[in-house]
């Protein structure tokens, strides 16, 4: 485990994004009743899950 706040199998990092993109993600997260972090994780999983080249 990286630190006491991070679950086993997860990694913690800082992400800097433009204000407008943050607002869009926050709107989606609020609508889907997710944290912003989980919304970003969902977006990434959807992108790579649907566009994976094998």
Protein backbone atom coordinates (compact mmCIF):
# COMPACT_ATOMS: atom_id res chain seq x y z
CA UNK A 1 0.00 0.00 0.00
CA UNK A 2 1.38 3.41 -0.97
CA UNK A 3 -0.06 5.26 2.03
CA UNK A 4 -2.73 4.84 4.68
CA UNK A 5 -5.35 6.62 2.56
CA UNK A 6 -4.93 4.56 -0.61
CA UNK A 7 -6.51 1.12 -1.01
CA UNK A 8 -4.39 -1.85 -2.01
CA UNK A 9 -4.14 -2.04 -5.80
CA UNK A 10 -4.77 1.69 -6.30
CA UNK A 11 -2.35 4.54 -7.01
CA UNK A 12 -2.66 8.12 -5.89
CA UNK A 13 -1.53 11.01 -8.09
CA UNK A 14 -2.17 14.68 -8.77
CA UNK A 15 -4.00 15.71 -11.92
CA UNK A 16 -4.10 19.29 -13.16
CA UNK A 17 -6.86 20.15 -15.63
CA UNK A 18 -8.36 23.33 -17.01
CA UNK A 19 -11.24 24.88 -15.11
CA UNK A 20 -13.82 24.34 -17.87
CA UNK A 21 -13.02 20.63 -18.18
CA UNK A 22 -13.19 20.30 -14.38
CA UNK A 23 -16.65 21.87 -14.38
CA UNK A 24 -17.88 19.47 -17.07
CA UNK A 25 -16.57 16.46 -15.16
CA UNK A 26 -18.08 17.77 -11.92
CA UNK A 27 -21.49 18.12 -13.60
CA UNK A 28 -21.29 14.53 -14.84
CA UNK A 29 -20.16 13.31 -11.42
CA UNK A 30 -22.99 15.14 -9.67
CA UNK A 31 -25.52 13.76 -12.14
CA UNK A 32 -24.21 10.21 -11.70
CA UNK A 33 -23.84 10.60 -7.91
CA UNK A 34 -20.09 9.86 -8.07
CA UNK A 35 -17.06 11.62 -6.72
CA UNK A 36 -15.03 13.53 -9.29
CA UNK A 37 -12.25 10.98 -8.87
CA UNK A 38 -14.59 8.06 -9.57
CA UNK A 39 -16.09 9.92 -12.55
CA UNK A 40 -12.62 10.37 -14.07
CA UNK A 41 -11.87 6.69 -13.41
CA UNK A 42 -15.16 5.73 -15.11
CA UNK A 43 -14.41 7.92 -18.15
CA UNK A 44 -10.96 6.37 -18.54
CA UNK A 45 -12.30 2.83 -18.16
CA UNK A 46 -15.01 3.51 -20.73
CA UNK A 47 -12.50 4.94 -23.17
CA UNK A 48 -9.96 2.15 -22.89
CA UNK A 49 -12.53 -0.58 -22.49
CA UNK A 50 -14.28 0.42 -25.69
CA UNK A 51 -11.21 1.37 -27.73
CA UNK A 52 -8.70 -1.31 -26.73
CA UNK A 53 -6.52 -2.50 -29.61
CA UNK A 54 -5.46 -6.10 -29.09
